């Protein structure tokens, strides 16, 4: 299966002197029903080399994942991944400039987006161009809070109620215990939910510049251990998370309150700019928006929107965010209206935006570089990043709404994704 021609130049290749030991991968006999080899543990080069020997793929594929830089920087990734074998390359494009005027974000931003989807960067760039030419967008961070919601099971309802009262009474003590586990986090609220003999407690934290999942988990664990040691009423069982927090899920609860950072962006696009850059009219975009809102209601969408997850995922990948948090972060509300002057009013509300500028993957080399492009790496930058992200998503909502209402959506994908300059079924006519 693996021939020597895959490996013929290895002895003189500097790349092969790192993870690889110039041995051909072991050939396996598919007729023998042998269990697979265990993946080597550890973070050193020997362990990494052993993993490649175990999975036994040709050198031409190995070098695409374990390139020279991935070899040199392997120690950097140890806190972010287990069983490391290398890195992947996702193309990164730039959208902008996008002018954002917010409580924290003030200026023009060039925004890095990592994606493999053709048309995405072009679309967000077009929306940013329309917003910037109109004077920019306004963005406001409304409130912040990340929750962890443990659950406690009791034998009887009365026990659950007594437990609930005891925890309420000792809220100040619990706050102090939680904040001993973190330099920056603050326990800002405790919310109780009782269902039968179950008690759900939401511990809500201010997480400063971190997205905060690990911070809230560690702090909540400390609080729960104190409760279990001191409460006169003991639960039969308890679990650190009972699915009330909305962690990595799109929920109505998050849509109506906050998870992470609740941020709103808005812009007014004059009629002539809508026509010049977006190739449509405010009336057409609003008409499509009304139709799409009903469509969201019919299919049970949480929120109403076009494609918030598209640009937000690309931003998360580029900037070292927890991509699974797109589940809650992309649940939002997009709204278009025409003003008295005939301009287009556009707004976007993101009530559960989970972003940070420290911790997680933000310090990895490429991800930090992307944050640095915007000047948003490090402490004191997360609120600004949230407002810029909201402005970016507004640009994307504006552009996709324009593309569909102008009957250009299909043609754009033909051109960018397939390199086709003419789409047989496309017509410039609005009612075609």
Protein backbone atom coordinates (compact mmCIF):
# COMPACT_ATOMS: atom_id res chain seq x y z
CA UNK A 1 0.00 0.00 0.00
CA UNK A 2 2.80 2.44 0.87
CA UNK A 3 5.61 2.39 -1.63
CA UNK A 4 9.14 3.72 -1.28
CA UNK A 5 8.46 6.54 -3.70
CA UNK A 6 6.49 8.29 -0.94
CA UNK A 7 9.66 8.45 1.10
CA UNK A 8 12.47 8.64 -1.47
CA UNK A 9 13.68 12.14 -0.56
CA UNK A 10 13.39 11.87 3.19
CA UNK A 11 17.03 11.44 4.14
CA UNK A 12 17.97 14.87 2.80
CA UNK A 13 14.76 16.56 3.83
CA UNK A 14 15.09 18.73 6.94
CA UNK A 15 11.42 18.14 7.60
CA UNK A 16 11.99 14.42 8.15
CA UNK A 17 14.53 15.06 10.89
CA UNK A 18 11.84 16.20 13.29
CA UNK A 19 8.89 13.94 13.97
CA UNK A 20 9.88 11.16 11.61
CA UNK A 21 12.63 8.56 11.85
CA UNK A 22 12.88 7.60 8.17
CA UNK A 23 11.09 4.33 8.72
CA UNK A 24 8.31 3.19 6.47
CA UNK A 25 4.95 2.83 8.20
CA UNK A 26 4.23 -0.67 9.29
CA UNK A 27 2.19 -2.66 6.80
CA UNK A 28 -0.98 -4.21 8.17
CA UNK A 29 -2.67 -7.30 6.95
CA UNK A 30 -6.38 -6.49 6.61
CA UNK A 31 -7.20 -10.19 6.71
CA UNK A 32 -6.03 -10.44 10.30
CA UNK A 33 -8.62 -9.23 12.74
CA UNK A 34 -6.13 -7.53 15.02
CA UNK A 35 -7.10 -4.73 17.40
CA UNK A 36 -5.68 -1.32 16.49
CA UNK A 37 -2.59 -0.10 18.25
CA UNK A 38 -3.01 2.34 21.11
CA UNK A 39 -2.10 5.95 20.43
CA UNK A 40 1.14 6.93 22.14
CA UNK A 41 0.75 9.25 25.12
CA UNK A 42 2.95 12.18 26.00
CA UNK A 43 3.89 15.48 24.40
CA UNK A 44 7.48 14.97 23.26
CA UNK A 45 8.75 14.46 19.73
CA UNK A 46 9.13 10.73 20.32
CA UNK A 47 5.45 10.41 21.18
CA UNK A 48 4.46 12.42 18.12
CA UNK A 49 6.63 10.31 15.87
CA UNK A 50 5.15 7.16 17.41
CA UNK A 51 1.62 8.37 16.64
CA UNK A 52 2.49 8.85 12.98
CA UNK A 53 3.98 5.36 12.90
CA UNK A 54 0.79 3.99 14.43
CA UNK A 55 -1.63 5.63 12.03
CA UNK A 56 0.73 4.80 9.14
CA UNK A 57 -0.11 7.18 6.33
CA UNK A 58 2.19 8.16 3.46
CA UNK A 59 4.78 10.86 4.04
CA UNK A 60 3.15 13.13 1.46
CA UNK A 61 0.09 13.40 3.74
CA UNK A 62 2.05 13.54 6.98
CA UNK A 63 4.00 16.61 5.88
CA UNK A 64 0.76 18.50 5.16
CA UNK A 65 -0.18 18.18 8.83
CA UNK A 66 3.23 17.99 10.50
CA UNK A 67 5.05 20.66 8.53
CA UNK A 68 8.32 22.20 9.69
CA UNK A 69 6.67 25.01 11.67
CA UNK A 70 4.27 22.57 13.35
CA UNK A 71 7.30 20.54 14.43
CA UNK A 72 9.16 23.54 15.77
CA UNK A 73 6.17 24.86 17.70
CA UNK A 74 4.77 21.61 19.07
CA UNK A 75 5.31 22.64 22.69
CA UNK A 76 3.13 25.73 22.22
CA UNK A 77 0.09 23.55 21.54
CA UNK A 78 0.38 21.22 24.53
CA UNK A 79 -2.22 23.06 26.62
CA UNK A 80 -4.70 23.21 23.75
CA UNK A 81 -4.78 19.67 22.41
CA UNK A 82 -3.99 16.08 23.29
CA UNK A 83 -2.30 13.46 21.10
CA UNK A 84 -0.80 16.23 18.97
CA UNK A 85 0.35 15.34 15.44
CA UNK A 86 0.50 18.76 13.75
CA UNK A 87 -1.67 21.56 12.47
CA UNK A 88 -3.98 22.22 9.55
CA UNK A 89 -4.00 25.21 7.27
CA UNK A 90 -7.31 27.01 6.78
CA UNK A 91 -7.21 29.90 4.30
CA UNK A 92 -7.62 33.33 5.89
CA UNK A 93 -9.06 36.34 4.11
CA UNK A 94 -9.58 39.96 5.16
CA UNK A 95 -12.86 41.88 5.18
CA UNK A 96 -13.04 45.59 5.70
CA UNK A 97 -12.40 48.22 6.61
CA UNK A 98 -15.47 48.20 8.82
CA UNK A 99 -16.10 51.37 10.80
CA UNK A 100 -17.55 50.61 14.23
CA UNK A 101 -18.60 53.26 16.74
CA UNK A 102 -19.43 51.63 20.04
CA UNK A 103 -19.03 51.83 23.76
CA UNK A 104 -15.63 50.15 23.35
CA UNK A 105 -14.94 49.75 19.62
CA UNK A 106 -14.01 53.01 17.93
CA UNK A 107 -12.40 53.04 14.53
CA UNK A 108 -11.98 51.16 11.27
CA UNK A 109 -11.17 47.45 11.52
CA UNK A 110 -9.76 44.98 9.02
CA UNK A 111 -11.22 41.65 10.08
CA UNK A 112 -9.55 38.25 9.44
CA UNK A 113 -11.87 35.40 8.47
CA UNK A 114 -10.76 31.76 8.19
CA UNK A 115 -12.97 29.65 5.97
CA UNK A 116 -13.05 27.18 3.10
CA UNK A 117 -16.34 28.55 1.75
CA UNK A 118 -16.05 30.60 -1.39
CA UNK A 119 -18.12 33.84 -1.47
CA UNK A 120 -18.05 34.24 2.31
CA UNK A 121 -15.25 36.80 2.61
CA UNK A 122 -16.43 38.62 -0.51
CA UNK A 123 -19.95 38.87 0.92
CA UNK A 124 -18.87 40.16 4.32
CA UNK A 125 -16.46 42.55 2.67
CA UNK A 126 -19.27 43.96 0.54
CA UNK A 127 -21.49 44.44 3.58
CA UNK A 128 -18.62 46.15 5.41
CA UNK A 129 -18.08 48.43 2.41
CA UNK A 130 -21.73 49.48 2.39
CA UNK A 131 -21.72 50.15 6.13
CA UNK A 132 -18.43 52.07 6.08
CA UNK A 133 -19.46 54.20 3.11
CA UNK A 134 -22.62 55.05 5.07
CA UNK A 135 -20.55 56.32 8.02
CA UNK A 136 -20.16 53.07 9.90
CA UNK A 137 -22.28 51.11 12.33
CA UNK A 138 -23.08 51.70 15.96
CA UNK A 139 -22.47 48.80 18.36
CA UNK A 140 -23.25 48.56 22.06
CA UNK A 141 -22.37 45.91 24.60
CA UNK A 142 -25.52 45.69 26.70
CA UNK A 143 -24.58 43.19 29.43
CA UNK A 144 -22.26 40.30 30.21
CA UNK A 145 -22.56 37.00 32.02
CA UNK A 146 -21.49 33.38 31.65
CA UNK A 147 -23.29 30.73 33.63
CA UNK A 148 -22.66 27.25 34.89
CA UNK A 149 -25.76 25.42 36.13
CA UNK A 150 -25.26 22.41 38.41
CA UNK A 151 -28.22 20.20 39.30
CA UNK A 152 -29.09 18.56 42.62
CA UNK A 153 -31.44 15.62 43.11
CA UNK A 154 -33.30 15.06 46.40
CA UNK A 155 -35.56 12.34 47.70
CA UNK A 156 -38.41 14.72 48.46
CA UNK A 157 -39.63 18.15 47.40
CA UNK A 158 -39.36 19.48 50.97
CA UNK A 159 -35.66 18.64 51.04
CA UNK A 160 -35.16 20.45 47.76
CA UNK A 161 -36.88 23.57 49.09
CA UNK A 162 -34.88 23.54 52.37
CA UNK A 163 -31.66 23.16 50.39
CA UNK A 164 -32.66 26.04 48.14
CA UNK A 165 -33.29 28.31 51.14
CA UNK A 166 -29.93 27.44 52.71
CA UNK A 167 -28.03 28.26 49.52
CA UNK A 168 -29.88 31.58 49.17
CA UNK A 169 -29.02 32.50 52.74
CA UNK A 170 -25.29 31.89 52.18
CA UNK A 171 -24.97 33.65 48.80
CA UNK A 172 -22.30 36.11 50.02
CA UNK A 173 -20.12 33.28 51.31
CA UNK A 174 -20.49 31.39 48.05
CA UNK A 175 -19.50 34.51 46.11
CA UNK A 176 -16.29 34.80 48.12
CA UNK A 177 -15.43 31.13 47.59
CA UNK A 178 -16.02 31.35 43.84
CA UNK A 179 -13.84 34.42 43.45
CA UNK A 180 -10.92 32.81 45.27
CA UNK A 181 -10.50 30.52 42.25
CA UNK A 182 -9.97 33.29 39.68
CA UNK A 183 -8.05 36.55 39.43
CA UNK A 184 -10.58 38.27 37.21
CA UNK A 185 -13.93 36.48 37.44
CA UNK A 186 -16.79 37.74 39.61
CA UNK A 187 -19.89 35.83 40.69
CA UNK A 188 -22.62 38.35 39.88
CA UNK A 189 -25.86 36.42 40.36
CA UNK A 190 -27.37 33.15 41.58
CA UNK A 191 -30.67 32.04 40.06
CA UNK A 192 -32.70 29.10 41.36
CA UNK A 193 -35.05 26.78 39.49
CA UNK A 194 -36.95 24.00 41.27
CA UNK A 195 -38.63 21.22 39.31
CA UNK A 196 -40.16 18.52 41.50
CA UNK A 197 -37.35 17.21 43.69
CA UNK A 198 -34.68 18.71 41.40
CA UNK A 199 -32.86 21.97 42.11
CA UNK A 200 -31.06 23.78 39.29
CA UNK A 201 -28.77 26.64 40.29
CA UNK A 202 -27.40 29.08 37.74
CA UNK A 203 -24.18 30.68 38.87
CA UNK A 204 -23.60 33.69 36.63
CA UNK A 205 -20.11 35.18 36.30
CA UNK A 206 -18.46 38.24 34.87
CA UNK A 207 -15.43 36.75 33.09
CA UNK A 208 -13.45 39.88 32.14
CA UNK A 209 -11.50 39.30 28.88
CA UNK A 210 -11.88 35.51 28.82
CA UNK A 211 -14.74 33.66 27.17
CA UNK A 212 -14.92 31.98 30.56
CA UNK A 213 -16.07 28.38 30.22
CA UNK A 214 -13.18 26.94 32.23
CA UNK A 215 -13.23 29.82 34.69
CA UNK A 216 -16.90 29.33 35.53
CA UNK A 217 -16.59 25.55 35.75
CA UNK A 218 -13.70 25.66 38.22
CA UNK A 219 -15.37 28.35 40.35
CA UNK A 220 -18.72 26.54 40.38
CA UNK A 221 -17.04 23.28 41.38
CA UNK A 222 -15.50 25.02 44.41
CA UNK A 223 -18.87 26.50 45.37
CA UNK A 224 -20.64 23.16 45.07
CA UNK A 225 -18.02 21.40 47.20
CA UNK A 226 -18.57 24.01 49.92
CA UNK A 227 -22.33 23.60 49.71
CA UNK A 228 -22.10 19.82 49.98
CA UNK A 229 -19.80 20.06 52.99
CA UNK A 230 -21.87 22.61 54.92
CA UNK A 231 -25.53 22.35 53.91
CA UNK A 232 -27.63 20.52 56.53
CA UNK A 233 -29.71 19.06 53.71
CA UNK A 234 -27.73 16.74 51.43
CA UNK A 235 -28.73 15.85 47.88
CA UNK A 236 -28.90 12.22 46.86
CA UNK A 237 -26.96 13.09 43.69
CA UNK A 238 -25.50 16.16 42.03
CA UNK A 239 -23.79 17.06 38.76
CA UNK A 240 -21.67 20.06 37.81
CA UNK A 241 -23.82 20.85 34.75
CA UNK A 242 -27.48 20.03 34.27
CA UNK A 243 -28.08 21.63 30.85
CA UNK A 244 -29.77 24.79 32.09
CA UNK A 245 -26.84 27.08 31.29
CA UNK A 246 -27.21 26.67 27.53
CA UNK A 247 -23.52 25.85 27.15
CA UNK A 248 -22.86 25.17 23.46
CA UNK A 249 -26.56 25.02 22.64
CA UNK A 250 -28.96 27.45 21.01
CA UNK A 251 -31.63 28.17 23.65
CA UNK A 252 -34.52 30.56 24.07
CA UNK A 253 -33.22 31.28 27.56
CA UNK A 254 -29.98 32.69 26.15
CA UNK A 255 -31.86 34.60 23.47
CA UNK A 256 -33.94 36.37 26.11
CA UNK A 257 -31.19 37.03 28.65
CA UNK A 258 -27.43 36.76 28.16
CA UNK A 259 -24.76 34.14 27.72
CA UNK A 260 -21.32 35.58 27.26
CA UNK A 261 -21.85 39.08 25.89
CA UNK A 262 -25.14 40.60 24.78
CA UNK A 263 -24.31 43.06 22.02
CA UNK A 264 -26.32 45.00 19.43
CA UNK A 265 -25.19 46.62 16.19
CA UNK A 266 -27.14 48.93 13.89
CA UNK A 267 -26.59 50.96 10.75
CA UNK A 268 -28.52 53.20 8.38
CA UNK A 269 -27.66 52.69 4.70
CA UNK A 270 -28.82 55.46 2.34
CA UNK A 271 -30.90 54.40 -0.63
CA UNK A 272 -28.23 55.34 -3.17
CA UNK A 273 -25.58 53.22 -1.43
CA UNK A 274 -27.97 50.27 -1.27
CA UNK A 275 -28.37 50.57 -5.03
CA UNK A 276 -24.70 51.25 -5.83
CA UNK A 277 -23.03 48.61 -3.64
CA UNK A 278 -25.78 46.11 -2.86
CA UNK A 279 -27.56 46.28 -6.25
CA UNK A 280 -31.03 46.36 -4.77
CA UNK A 281 -33.35 48.69 -2.85
CA UNK A 282 -34.31 49.10 0.82
CA UNK A 283 -37.87 48.05 -0.01
CA UNK A 284 -36.74 44.79 -1.58
CA UNK A 285 -34.50 43.90 1.36
CA UNK A 286 -37.33 44.65 3.82
CA UNK A 287 -39.78 42.59 1.76
CA UNK A 288 -37.39 39.62 1.82
CA UNK A 289 -36.80 40.13 5.55
CA UNK A 290 -40.53 39.96 6.28
CA UNK A 291 -40.86 36.76 4.28
CA UNK A 292 -37.79 35.28 6.00
CA UNK A 293 -39.05 36.15 9.47
CA UNK A 294 -42.20 34.14 8.88
CA UNK A 295 -40.05 31.32 7.50
CA UNK A 296 -38.04 31.29 10.73
CA UNK A 297 -41.26 31.12 12.74
CA UNK A 298 -42.55 28.23 10.65
CA UNK A 299 -39.41 26.13 11.05
CA UNK A 300 -38.87 26.92 14.72
CA UNK A 301 -35.65 28.93 14.40
CA UNK A 302 -34.37 30.43 17.66
CA UNK A 303 -34.20 34.05 16.62
CA UNK A 304 -34.59 35.41 13.08
CA UNK A 305 -31.59 35.84 10.82
CA UNK A 306 -29.88 35.05 7.53
CA UNK A 307 -26.53 33.40 8.23
CA UNK A 308 -24.90 34.74 11.39
CA UNK A 309 -23.01 31.47 11.90
CA UNK A 310 -21.17 31.91 8.60
CA UNK A 311 -19.01 34.91 9.36
CA UNK A 312 -18.93 34.27 13.09
CA UNK A 313 -17.46 30.79 12.60
CA UNK A 314 -14.82 32.20 10.26
CA UNK A 315 -13.97 34.85 12.85
CA UNK A 316 -13.85 32.24 15.64
CA UNK A 317 -11.48 30.02 13.65
CA UNK A 318 -9.18 32.90 12.80
CA UNK A 319 -9.06 34.31 16.32
CA UNK A 320 -8.78 31.23 18.53
CA UNK A 321 -12.32 31.14 19.90
CA UNK A 322 -14.15 27.99 21.01
CA UNK A 323 -15.85 27.12 17.72
CA UNK A 324 -18.45 24.90 19.43
CA UNK A 325 -19.81 28.06 21.05
CA UNK A 326 -21.18 29.05 17.66
CA UNK A 327 -24.20 27.01 18.79
CA UNK A 328 -25.30 29.75 21.17
CA UNK A 329 -23.37 32.69 19.74
CA UNK A 330 -25.08 32.58 16.34
CA UNK A 331 -28.61 32.68 17.77
CA UNK A 332 -29.66 36.25 17.10
CA UNK A 333 -32.21 38.64 15.68
CA UNK A 334 -31.73 40.55 12.43
CA UNK A 335 -34.17 43.30 11.50
CA UNK A 336 -34.52 45.56 8.44
CA UNK A 337 -36.81 48.56 8.08
CA UNK A 338 -37.12 51.54 5.77
CA UNK A 339 -36.77 54.99 7.28
CA UNK A 340 -38.97 57.98 6.49
CA UNK A 341 -36.26 59.20 4.15
CA UNK A 342 -36.28 55.89 2.26
CA UNK A 343 -32.98 54.62 3.68
CA UNK A 344 -32.44 51.13 5.03
CA UNK A 345 -32.29 50.66 8.80
CA UNK A 346 -30.48 47.44 9.78
CA UNK A 347 -30.01 46.01 13.26
CA UNK A 348 -28.57 42.83 14.71
CA UNK A 349 -28.86 41.55 18.29
CA UNK A 350 -26.50 38.86 19.57
CA UNK A 351 -27.51 37.99 23.14
CA UNK A 352 -25.15 35.04 23.63
CA UNK A 353 -21.82 35.96 22.05
CA UNK A 354 -19.08 33.82 23.64
CA UNK A 355 -15.81 35.55 22.81
CA UNK A 356 -12.57 36.38 24.58
CA UNK A 357 -9.18 37.91 23.88
CA UNK A 358 -7.20 35.96 26.48
CA UNK A 359 -7.08 32.25 27.28
CA UNK A 360 -8.20 29.30 25.20
CA UNK A 361 -6.77 29.38 21.70
CA UNK A 362 -6.23 33.14 21.56
CA UNK A 363 -2.52 32.84 22.40
CA UNK A 364 -1.64 30.34 19.67
CA UNK A 365 0.66 31.84 17.03
CA UNK A 366 -1.70 32.25 14.06
CA UNK A 367 -4.72 33.06 16.19
CA UNK A 368 -2.87 35.73 18.14
CA UNK A 369 -1.65 37.20 14.85
CA UNK A 370 -5.23 37.50 13.61
CA UNK A 371 -6.31 39.24 16.81
CA UNK A 372 -3.32 41.55 16.48
CA UNK A 373 -4.46 42.52 12.96
CA UNK A 374 -7.45 44.15 14.66
CA UNK A 375 -5.41 45.35 17.64
CA UNK A 376 -7.56 43.17 19.88
CA UNK A 377 -5.24 40.67 21.53
CA UNK A 378 -4.87 40.61 25.31
CA UNK A 379 -6.48 42.18 28.35
CA UNK A 380 -8.93 45.02 28.07
CA UNK A 381 -9.97 44.04 24.53
CA UNK A 382 -12.82 41.51 24.82
CA UNK A 383 -15.63 44.05 24.95
CA UNK A 384 -14.25 45.76 21.86
CA UNK A 385 -13.94 42.41 20.11
CA UNK A 386 -17.60 41.65 20.88
CA UNK A 387 -18.74 44.93 19.32
CA UNK A 388 -16.59 44.41 16.23
CA UNK A 389 -17.97 40.87 15.88
CA UNK A 390 -21.52 42.22 16.00
CA UNK A 391 -20.67 44.78 13.32
CA UNK A 392 -19.18 42.04 11.15
CA UNK A 393 -22.30 39.90 11.49
CA UNK A 394 -24.48 42.87 10.60
CA UNK A 395 -22.40 43.33 7.43
CA UNK A 396 -23.00 39.68 6.54
CA UNK A 397 -26.73 39.90 7.14
CA UNK A 398 -26.91 42.99 4.99
CA UNK A 399 -24.97 41.40 2.14
CA UNK A 400 -26.83 38.10 2.01
CA UNK A 401 -30.19 39.89 2.19
CA UNK A 402 -29.11 42.07 -0.72
CA UNK A 403 -27.79 39.14 -2.75
CA UNK A 404 -31.04 37.21 -2.46
CA UNK A 405 -33.31 40.21 -3.02
CA UNK A 406 -31.27 41.26 -6.07
CA UNK A 407 -31.41 37.72 -7.50
CA UNK A 408 -27.60 37.52 -7.33
CA UNK A 409 -27.20 34.82 -4.69
CA UNK A 410 -26.90 31.85 -7.06
CA UNK A 411 -24.71 33.71 -9.53
CA UNK A 412 -22.25 34.70 -6.79
CA UNK A 413 -21.76 31.06 -5.85
CA UNK A 414 -21.36 30.13 -9.50
CA UNK A 415 -18.59 32.69 -9.92
CA UNK A 416 -16.67 32.28 -6.67
CA UNK A 417 -17.17 28.60 -5.89
CA UNK A 418 -17.09 27.19 -9.44
CA UNK A 419 -15.34 29.86 -11.47
CA UNK A 420 -18.30 30.10 -13.85
CA UNK A 421 -18.74 33.60 -15.24
CA UNK A 422 -22.25 33.02 -16.58
CA UNK A 423 -25.16 31.30 -14.92
CA UNK A 424 -27.63 29.99 -17.50
CA UNK A 425 -30.61 30.31 -15.17
CA UNK A 426 -29.69 33.80 -13.97
CA UNK A 427 -31.56 36.79 -15.26
CA UNK A 428 -31.15 40.43 -14.38
CA UNK A 429 -34.90 40.74 -14.19
CA UNK A 430 -36.25 41.10 -10.69
CA UNK A 431 -39.31 38.93 -11.31
CA UNK A 432 -37.64 36.27 -13.46
